[in-house]
C-alpha atoms as a PDB file:
ATOM      1  CA  MET A   1     -57.078-180.894 -34.649  1.00  0.00           C
ATOM      2  CA  LYS A   2     -60.125-182.871 -35.792  1.00  0.00           C
ATOM      3  CA  LEU A   3     -61.336-185.105 -32.975  1.00  0.00           C
ATOM      4  CA  PRO A   4     -64.633-186.953 -33.226  1.00  0.00           C
ATOM      5  CA  ILE A   5     -67.507-185.200 -31.477  1.00  0.00           C
ATOM      6  CA  TRP A   6     -67.853-187.972 -28.897  1.00  0.00           C
ATOM      7  CA  ALA A   7     -64.208-187.515 -27.831  1.00  0.00           C
ATOM      8  CA  THR A   8     -64.747-183.788 -27.332  1.00  0.00           C
ATOM      9  CA  VAL A   9     -67.956-184.516 -25.402  1.00  0.00           C
ATOM     10  CA  PHE A  10     -66.008-186.947 -23.212  1.00  0.00           C
ATOM     11  CA  ILE A  11     -63.259-184.393 -22.525  1.00  0.00           C
ATOM     12  CA  GLY A  12     -65.802-181.625 -21.900  1.00  0.00           C
ATOM     13  CA  GLY A  13     -67.777-183.916 -19.606  1.00  0.00           C
ATOM     14  CA  LEU A  14     -64.700-184.684 -17.525  1.00  0.00           C
ATOM     15  CA  VAL A  15     -63.746-181.034 -17.178  1.00  0.00           C
ATOM     16  CA  GLY A  16     -67.308-179.794 -16.718  1.00  0.00           C
ATOM     17  CA  GLY A  17     -68.205-182.573 -14.301  1.00  0.00           C
ATOM     18  CA  ALA A  18     -65.180-182.042 -12.105  1.00  0.00           C
ATOM     19  CA  VAL A  19     -65.256-178.270 -12.031  1.00  0.00           C
ATOM     20  CA  GLY A  20     -68.964-177.696 -12.667  1.00  0.00           C
ATOM     21  CA  GLY A  21     -70.262-179.325  -9.508  1.00  0.00           C
ATOM     22  CA  MET A  22     -67.949-177.347  -7.255  1.00  0.00           C
ATOM     23  CA  LEU A  23     -68.529-174.040  -9.030  1.00  0.00           C
ATOM     24  CA  SER A  24     -72.292-174.423  -9.085  1.00  0.00           C
ATOM     25  CA  ASP A  25     -72.299-175.182  -5.367  1.00  0.00           C
ATOM     26  CA  LEU A  26     -70.130-172.158  -4.652  1.00  0.00           C
ATOM     27  CA  LEU A  27     -71.840-169.698  -7.007  1.00  0.00           C
ATOM     28  CA  LEU A  28     -75.493-170.732  -7.329  1.00  0.00           C
ATOM     29  CA  LEU A  29     -76.452-172.018  -3.911  1.00  0.00           C
ATOM     30  CA  PRO A  30     -75.672-168.830  -1.957  1.00  0.00           C
ATOM     31  CA  LEU A  31     -77.846-166.865  -4.390  1.00  0.00           C
ATOM     32  CA  PHE A  32     -80.971-168.959  -3.878  1.00  0.00           C
ATOM     33  CA  VAL A  33     -80.609-170.480  -0.424  1.00  0.00           C
ATOM     34  CA  HIS A  34     -79.595-168.780   2.808  1.00  0.00           C
ATOM     35  CA  ARG A  35     -76.015-169.345   3.841  1.00  0.00           C
ATOM     36  CA  THR A  36     -76.707-171.414   6.962  1.00  0.00           C
ATOM     37  CA  PRO A  37     -76.254-175.210   6.870  1.00  0.00           C
ATOM     38  CA  GLU A  38     -79.680-175.690   8.435  1.00  0.00           C
ATOM     39  CA  SER A  39     -81.399-174.097   5.458  1.00  0.00           C
ATOM     40  CA  LEU A  40     -79.416-176.301   3.078  1.00  0.00           C
ATOM     41  CA  SER A  41     -80.509-179.456   4.886  1.00  0.00           C
ATOM     42  CA  HIS A  42     -84.153-178.361   4.853  1.00  0.00           C
ATOM     43  CA  HIS A  43     -84.052-177.687   1.113  1.00  0.00           C
ATOM     44  CA  TRP A  44     -82.006-180.674  -0.035  1.00  0.00           C
ATOM     45  CA  MET A  45     -84.013-181.158  -3.241  1.00  0.00           C
ATOM     46  CA  LEU A  46     -83.389-177.540  -4.261  1.00  0.00           C
ATOM     47  CA  VAL A  47     -79.699-178.023  -3.525  1.00  0.00           C
ATOM     48  CA  VAL A  48     -79.551-181.130  -5.727  1.00  0.00           C
ATOM     49  CA  LEU A  49     -81.478-179.514  -8.595  1.00  0.00           C
ATOM     50  CA  LEU A  50     -79.464-176.279  -8.534  1.00  0.00           C
ATOM     51  CA  SER A  51     -76.202-178.182  -8.399  1.00  0.00           C
ATOM     52  CA  GLY A  52     -77.282-180.386 -11.305  1.00  0.00           C
ATOM     53  CA  VAL A  53     -78.462-177.504 -13.487  1.00  0.00           C
ATOM     54  CA  GLY A  54     -75.339-175.511 -12.651  1.00  0.00           C
ATOM     55  CA  GLN A  55     -73.100-178.439 -13.503  1.00  0.00           C
ATOM     56  CA  ILE A  56     -74.955-178.962 -16.805  1.00  0.00           C
ATOM     57  CA  ALA A  57     -74.630-175.257 -17.672  1.00  0.00           C
ATOM     58  CA  ILE A  58     -70.910-175.230 -16.902  1.00  0.00           C
ATOM     59  CA  THR A  59     -70.368-178.442 -18.887  1.00  0.00           C
ATOM     60  CA  ALA A  60     -72.311-176.905 -21.798  1.00  0.00           C
ATOM     61  CA  GLY A  61     -70.118-173.805 -21.595  1.00  0.00           C
ATOM     62  CA  VAL A  62     -66.960-175.925 -21.614  1.00  0.00           C
ATOM     63  CA  LEU A  63     -68.272-177.839 -24.636  1.00  0.00           C
ATOM     64  CA  LEU A  64     -69.148-174.571 -26.350  1.00  0.00           C
ATOM     65  CA  LEU A  65     -65.505-173.519 -25.984  1.00  0.00           C
ATOM     66  CA  LEU A  66     -63.983-176.915 -26.869  1.00  0.00           C
ATOM     67  CA  LEU A  67     -66.086-177.964 -29.864  1.00  0.00           C
ATOM     68  CA  PRO A  68     -64.872-175.410 -32.456  1.00  0.00           C
ATOM     69  CA  PRO A  69     -61.118-175.921 -31.994  1.00  0.00           C
ATOM     70  CA  LEU A  70     -61.147-179.677 -31.318  1.00  0.00           C
ATOM     71  CA  SER A  71     -63.962-181.001 -33.534  1.00  0.00           C
ATOM     72  CA  ASP A  72     -64.684-178.101 -35.898  1.00  0.00           C
ATOM     73  CA  VAL A  73     -68.332-178.032 -34.777  1.00  0.00           C
ATOM     74  CA  HIS A  74     -70.178-174.745 -34.321  1.00  0.00           C
ATOM     75  CA  VAL A  75     -73.377-174.818 -32.251  1.00  0.00           C
ATOM     76  CA  GLY A  76     -75.037-172.448 -29.814  1.00  0.00           C
ATOM     77  CA  PHE A  77     -75.205-172.596 -26.031  1.00  0.00           C
ATOM     78  CA  GLY A  78     -78.834-173.720 -26.092  1.00  0.00           C
ATOM     79  CA  THR A  79     -77.918-176.720 -28.218  1.00  0.00           C
ATOM     80  CA  THR A  80     -75.034-177.769 -25.989  1.00  0.00           C
ATOM     81  CA  PHE A  81     -77.135-177.236 -22.849  1.00  0.00           C
ATOM     82  CA  THR A  82     -79.992-179.349 -24.225  1.00  0.00           C
ATOM     83  CA  ALA A  83     -77.615-182.071 -25.416  1.00  0.00           C
ATOM     84  CA  VAL A  84     -75.789-182.259 -22.074  1.00  0.00           C
ATOM     85  CA  LEU A  85     -79.130-182.263 -20.244  1.00  0.00           C
ATOM     86  CA  ALA A  86     -80.391-185.161 -22.383  1.00  0.00           C
ATOM     87  CA  GLY A  87     -77.144-187.113 -22.007  1.00  0.00           C
ATOM     88  CA  ASN A  88     -77.135-186.651 -18.240  1.00  0.00           C
ATOM     89  CA  ALA A  89     -80.816-187.580 -18.060  1.00  0.00           C
ATOM     90  CA  VAL A  90     -80.110-190.858 -19.871  1.00  0.00           C
ATOM     91  CA  SER A  91     -77.147-191.640 -17.634  1.00  0.00           C
ATOM     92  CA  VAL A  92     -78.661-190.607 -14.294  1.00  0.00           C
ATOM     93  CA  GLY A  93     -82.166-191.867 -15.065  1.00  0.00           C
ATOM     94  CA  GLY A  94     -80.877-195.232 -16.245  1.00  0.00           C
ATOM     95  CA  THR A  95     -78.632-195.581 -13.212  1.00  0.00           C
ATOM     96  CA  LEU A  96     -81.545-194.799 -10.898  1.00  0.00           C
ATOM     97  CA  LEU A  97     -83.692-197.410 -12.649  1.00  0.00           C
ATOM     98  CA  LEU A  98     -80.842-199.895 -12.415  1.00  0.00           C
ATOM     99  CA  LEU A  99     -80.377-199.143  -8.717  1.00  0.00           C
ATOM    100  CA  HIS A 100     -84.103-199.603  -8.116  1.00  0.00           C
ATOM    101  CA  ALA A 101     -84.064-202.954  -9.929  1.00  0.00           C
ATOM    102  CA  THR A 102     -80.954-204.048  -8.018  1.00  0.00           C
ATOM    103  CA  VAL A 103     -82.442-203.212  -4.626  1.00  0.00           C
ATOM    104  CA  ARG A 104     -85.742-204.889  -5.506  1.00  0.00           C
ATOM    105  CA  ASP A 105     -83.895-207.969  -6.794  1.00  0.00           C
ATOM    106  CA  ASN A 106     -81.726-208.125  -3.678  1.00  0.00           C
ATOM    107  CA  LEU A 107     -84.765-207.874  -1.433  1.00  0.00           C
ATOM    108  CA  ALA A 108     -86.528-210.653  -3.327  1.00  0.00           C
ATOM    109  CA  ALA A 109     -83.528-212.994  -3.589  1.00  0.00           C
ATOM    110  CA  GLY A 110     -81.955-212.129  -0.266  1.00  0.00           C
ATOM    111  CA  ALA A 111     -78.607-210.588   0.619  1.00  0.00           C
ATOM    112  CA  GLY A 112     -76.764-209.338  -2.408  1.00  0.00           C
ATOM    113  CA  VAL A 113     -77.326-211.705  -5.311  1.00  0.00           C
ATOM    114  CA  GLY A 114     -78.724-210.820  -8.702  1.00  0.00           C
ATOM    115  CA  LEU A 115     -77.825-207.595 -10.458  1.00  0.00           C
ATOM    116  CA  MET A 116     -75.324-206.226  -7.936  1.00  0.00           C
ATOM    117  CA  PRO A 117     -72.189-207.719  -9.556  1.00  0.00           C
ATOM    118  CA  ALA A 118     -73.166-206.242 -12.943  1.00  0.00           C
ATOM    119  CA  PHE A 119     -74.173-202.842 -11.531  1.00  0.00           C
ATOM    120  CA  GLY A 120     -70.777-201.259 -12.267  1.00  0.00           C
ATOM    121  CA  LEU A 121     -70.692-202.482 -15.857  1.00  0.00           C
ATOM    122  CA  PHE A 122     -74.261-201.332 -16.535  1.00  0.00           C
ATOM    123  CA  SER A 123     -73.518-197.927 -15.001  1.00  0.00           C
ATOM    124  CA  LEU A 124     -70.496-197.565 -17.259  1.00  0.00           C
ATOM    125  CA  LEU A 125     -72.573-198.551 -20.295  1.00  0.00           C
ATOM    126  CA  LEU A 126     -75.206-195.966 -19.337  1.00  0.00           C
ATOM    127  CA  SER A 127     -72.481-193.311 -19.152  1.00  0.00           C
ATOM    128  CA  VAL A 128     -71.313-194.293 -22.646  1.00  0.00           C
ATOM    129  CA  LEU A 129     -74.927-194.119 -23.847  1.00  0.00           C
ATOM    130  CA  GLY A 130     -75.210-190.611 -22.344  1.00  0.00           C
ATOM    131  CA  ILE A 131     -72.096-189.537 -24.264  1.00  0.00           C
ATOM    132  CA  VAL A 132     -73.519-191.012 -27.470  1.00  0.00           C
ATOM    133  CA  VAL A 133     -76.822-189.148 -26.988  1.00  0.00           C
ATOM    134  CA  THR A 134     -75.015-185.859 -26.321  1.00  0.00           C
ATOM    135  CA  ALA A 135     -72.654-186.291 -29.281  1.00  0.00           C
ATOM    136  CA  THR A 136     -75.509-187.258 -31.611  1.00  0.00           C
ATOM    137  CA  MET A 137     -77.566-184.214 -30.655  1.00  0.00           C
ATOM    138  CA  ILE A 138     -74.591-181.893 -31.096  1.00  0.00           C
ATOM    139  CA  GLY A 139     -73.577-183.525 -34.390  1.00  0.00           C
ATOM    140  CA  SER A 140     -77.073-183.241 -35.826  1.00  0.00           C
ATOM    141  CA  ALA A 141     -77.291-179.589 -34.793  1.00  0.00           C
ATOM    142  CA  ASP A 142     -74.012-178.531 -36.366  1.00  0.00           C
ATOM    143  CA  GLY A 143     -74.836-175.712 -38.751  1.00  0.00           C
ATOM    144  CA  SER A 144     -71.434-175.633 -40.450  1.00  0.00           C
ATOM    145  CA  GLY A 145     -71.868-178.562 -42.788  1.00  0.00           C
ATOM    146  CA  GLY A 146     -71.981-181.266 -40.136  1.00  0.00           C
ATOM    147  CA  SER A 147     -73.953-184.462 -40.294  1.00  0.00           C
ATOM    148  CA  GLY A 148     -77.409-183.113 -39.502  1.00  0.00           C
ATOM    149  CA  GLY A 149     -77.722-179.733 -41.139  1.00  0.00           C
ATOM    150  CA  GLY A 150     -78.752-177.712 -38.111  1.00  0.00           C
ATOM    151  CA  ARG A 151     -82.246-179.018 -37.360  1.00  0.00           C
ATOM    152  CA  LEU A 152     -81.724-179.012 -33.603  1.00  0.00           C
ATOM    153  CA  ASP A 153     -80.123-175.598 -33.417  1.00  0.00           C
ATOM    154  CA  MET A 154     -81.710-173.425 -30.737  1.00  0.00           C
ATOM    155  CA  TYR A 155     -81.840-170.230 -32.785  1.00  0.00           C
ATOM    156  CA  GLY A 156     -85.451-170.661 -33.841  1.00  0.00           C
ATOM    157  CA  GLY A 157     -84.714-173.498 -36.264  1.00  0.00           C
ATOM    158  CA  GLN A 158     -83.317-171.127 -38.872  1.00  0.00           C
ATOM    159  CA  GLY A 159     -81.487-173.912 -40.714  1.00  0.00           C
ATOM    160  CA  TYR A 160     -84.655-175.977 -40.934  1.00  0.00           C
ATOM    161  CA  LEU A 161     -86.716-173.003 -42.115  1.00  0.00           C
ATOM    162  CA  ASP A 162     -84.148-172.197 -44.796  1.00  0.00           C
ATOM    163  CA  GLU A 163     -84.266-175.805 -45.981  1.00  0.00           C
ATOM    164  CA  VAL A 164     -88.081-175.798 -46.154  1.00  0.00           C
ATOM    165  CA  ARG A 165     -88.089-172.496 -48.038  1.00  0.00           C
ATOM    166  CA  LYS A 166     -85.527-173.799 -50.521  1.00  0.00           C
ATOM    167  CA  ASN A 167     -87.618-176.935 -51.177  1.00  0.00           C
ATOM    168  CA  GLU A 168     -90.775-174.838 -51.748  1.00  0.00           C
ATOM    169  CA  ARG A 169     -89.181-172.950 -54.632  1.00  0.00           C
END
């Protein structure tokens, strides 16, 4: 089956997002934080960061398993992790900026006018943009004859070095 990379990223994001958050909370948090609820509430930022990194790692692992059979793309774990991290950063960062602008606009205009009706649409568009960023990074890092030639591969840039060496001859 030859799906486009963005479709595989979407499927991997659904599976990794649903399962990844729960698994990272169950597996990572007890390793780094004591098991009492009081310690979790005192270290809420650590809980959020560990859950986010765990979810990104699990989503990257799911993509690593899904990309070869569904899209015929072969990349390493570092590439998928970096691509998922960048895609999530675009989506989450943009949503936080949008939320900040919405709250500021609502405070200035008074009681719920302004950006609030469009908040859902903009959040959806930011999610699509995150998928596009992830798919573009993975597509440009594909070392098996994909669109980019392996320049973003996380194995020391071997594809790029081979290309430079070939051009020097």
